[in-house]
Amino acid sequence: MFIKIHKSYRDVIAVCDSGLIGKYFEDEKFQLNLKESFYKGEEVSEEQALAIIQDQSQEDATFNIVGEKSITLALKAKIIEEKGIKKIAGIPFALILI
């Protein structure tokens, strides 16, 4: 999976399954454009991603998480709950403001 940290007054952490980068999904109401410029950061293992997510969740960060593996990891890190997961064209995603 890829993690990219966008530095700002509040860091934005983009987490995305590797196979979804560069793809576009839409349904009747919404669209999801997984641009490389936003999502393609460092490719990391699940263990590395978990450590980064847990570390960043201690900060004043925002998370943008897309894909089955990434969502599963965010659940494991306890930064999201099942009720916070949405889908666009079958692709799970979550937006979190900590």
Protein backbone atom coordinates (compact mmCIF):
# COMPACT_ATOMS: atom_id res chain seq x y z
CA MET A 1 0.00 0.00 0.00
CA PHE A 2 1.01 3.61 -0.41
CA ILE A 3 1.14 6.31 2.25
CA LYS A 4 1.72 9.95 1.46
CA ILE A 5 1.89 12.63 4.13
CA HIS A 6 0.87 16.05 2.89
CA LYS A 7 2.38 18.60 5.26
CA SER A 8 0.13 21.49 6.17
CA TYR A 9 -1.17 23.24 9.28
CA ARG A 10 -2.94 19.89 9.75
CA ASP A 11 -1.18 16.98 8.04
CA VAL A 12 -3.26 15.00 5.56
CA ILE A 13 -2.37 11.32 5.46
CA ALA A 14 -3.35 9.54 2.24
CA VAL A 15 -3.43 5.74 2.49
CA CYS A 16 -4.34 3.69 -0.57
CA ASP A 17 -4.11 0.09 -1.77
CA SER A 18 -1.35 -0.18 -4.38
CA GLY A 19 -3.60 -1.57 -7.12
CA LEU A 20 -5.98 1.39 -6.99
CA ILE A 21 -3.52 4.24 -7.65
CA GLY A 22 -4.40 6.21 -10.76
CA LYS A 23 -7.92 4.79 -11.09
CA TYR A 24 -11.24 6.59 -11.19
CA PHE A 25 -14.53 5.29 -9.78
CA GLU A 26 -18.01 6.74 -9.74
CA ASP A 27 -21.54 5.81 -8.87
CA GLU A 28 -24.83 7.65 -9.24
CA LYS A 29 -23.93 10.29 -6.64
CA PHE A 30 -20.16 10.39 -6.07
CA GLN A 31 -16.77 9.98 -7.69
CA LEU A 32 -13.41 8.85 -6.43
CA ASN A 33 -10.33 9.93 -8.39
CA LEU A 34 -7.23 8.26 -6.97
CA LYS A 35 -4.64 10.57 -8.49
CA GLU A 36 -0.99 9.61 -8.17
CA SER A 37 -0.15 13.17 -7.15
CA PHE A 38 -2.26 12.80 -4.00
CA TYR A 39 -2.06 9.10 -3.10
CA LYS A 40 1.24 7.78 -4.45
CA GLY A 41 3.77 8.33 -1.73
CA GLU A 42 6.00 5.73 -0.18
CA GLU A 43 5.10 2.08 -0.77
CA VAL A 44 5.15 0.40 2.63
CA SER A 45 4.40 -2.95 4.23
CA GLU A 46 1.29 -3.39 6.36
CA GLU A 47 3.44 -3.30 9.49
CA GLN A 48 5.08 -0.02 8.43
CA ALA A 49 1.71 1.45 7.47
CA LEU A 50 0.22 0.48 10.82
CA ALA A 51 3.09 2.17 12.68
CA ILE A 52 2.74 5.36 10.59
CA ILE A 53 -1.05 5.45 11.04
CA GLN A 54 -0.78 4.94 14.79
CA ASP A 55 1.92 7.61 15.05
CA GLN A 56 -0.02 10.13 12.96
CA SER A 57 -3.26 9.44 14.85
CA GLN A 58 -1.56 10.94 17.91
CA GLU A 59 -1.20 14.21 16.00
CA ASP A 60 -3.75 16.68 14.70
CA ALA A 61 -4.08 14.85 11.37
CA THR A 62 -6.67 14.11 8.73
CA PHE A 63 -6.78 10.70 7.04
CA ASN A 64 -8.00 9.80 3.57
CA ILE A 65 -8.06 6.00 3.31
CA VAL A 66 -9.05 3.97 0.24
CA GLY A 67 -9.15 0.24 -0.53
CA GLU A 68 -9.88 -3.04 1.25
CA LYS A 69 -6.38 -3.55 2.72
CA SER A 70 -6.02 0.07 3.79
CA ILE A 71 -9.46 0.15 5.41
CA THR A 72 -8.76 -3.13 7.23
CA LEU A 73 -5.53 -1.65 8.56
CA ALA A 74 -7.30 1.53 9.72
CA LEU A 75 -9.84 -0.63 11.58
CA LYS A 76 -6.96 -2.54 13.19
CA ALA A 77 -5.37 0.79 14.22
CA LYS A 78 -8.75 1.81 15.69
CA ILE A 79 -8.88 5.14 13.87
CA ILE A 80 -12.15 4.22 12.14
CA GLU A 81 -15.25 2.17 12.89
CA GLU A 82 -17.32 0.10 10.48
CA LYS A 83 -20.06 2.75 10.45
CA GLY A 84 -17.55 5.31 9.10
CA ILE A 85 -16.76 3.30 5.98
CA LYS A 86 -18.49 4.26 2.73
CA LYS A 87 -18.23 2.78 -0.76
CA ILE A 88 -18.11 4.25 -4.23
CA ALA A 89 -18.51 1.71 -7.03
CA GLY A 90 -17.73 -1.02 -4.48
CA ILE A 91 -14.44 0.59 -3.35
CA PRO A 92 -14.36 1.24 0.42
CA PHE A 93 -13.06 4.56 1.71
CA ALA A 94 -13.05 6.60 4.87
CA LEU A 95 -12.24 10.21 5.72
CA ILE A 96 -11.13 10.87 9.27
CA LEU A 97 -10.44 14.08 11.14
CA ILE A 98 -8.67 13.43 14.43
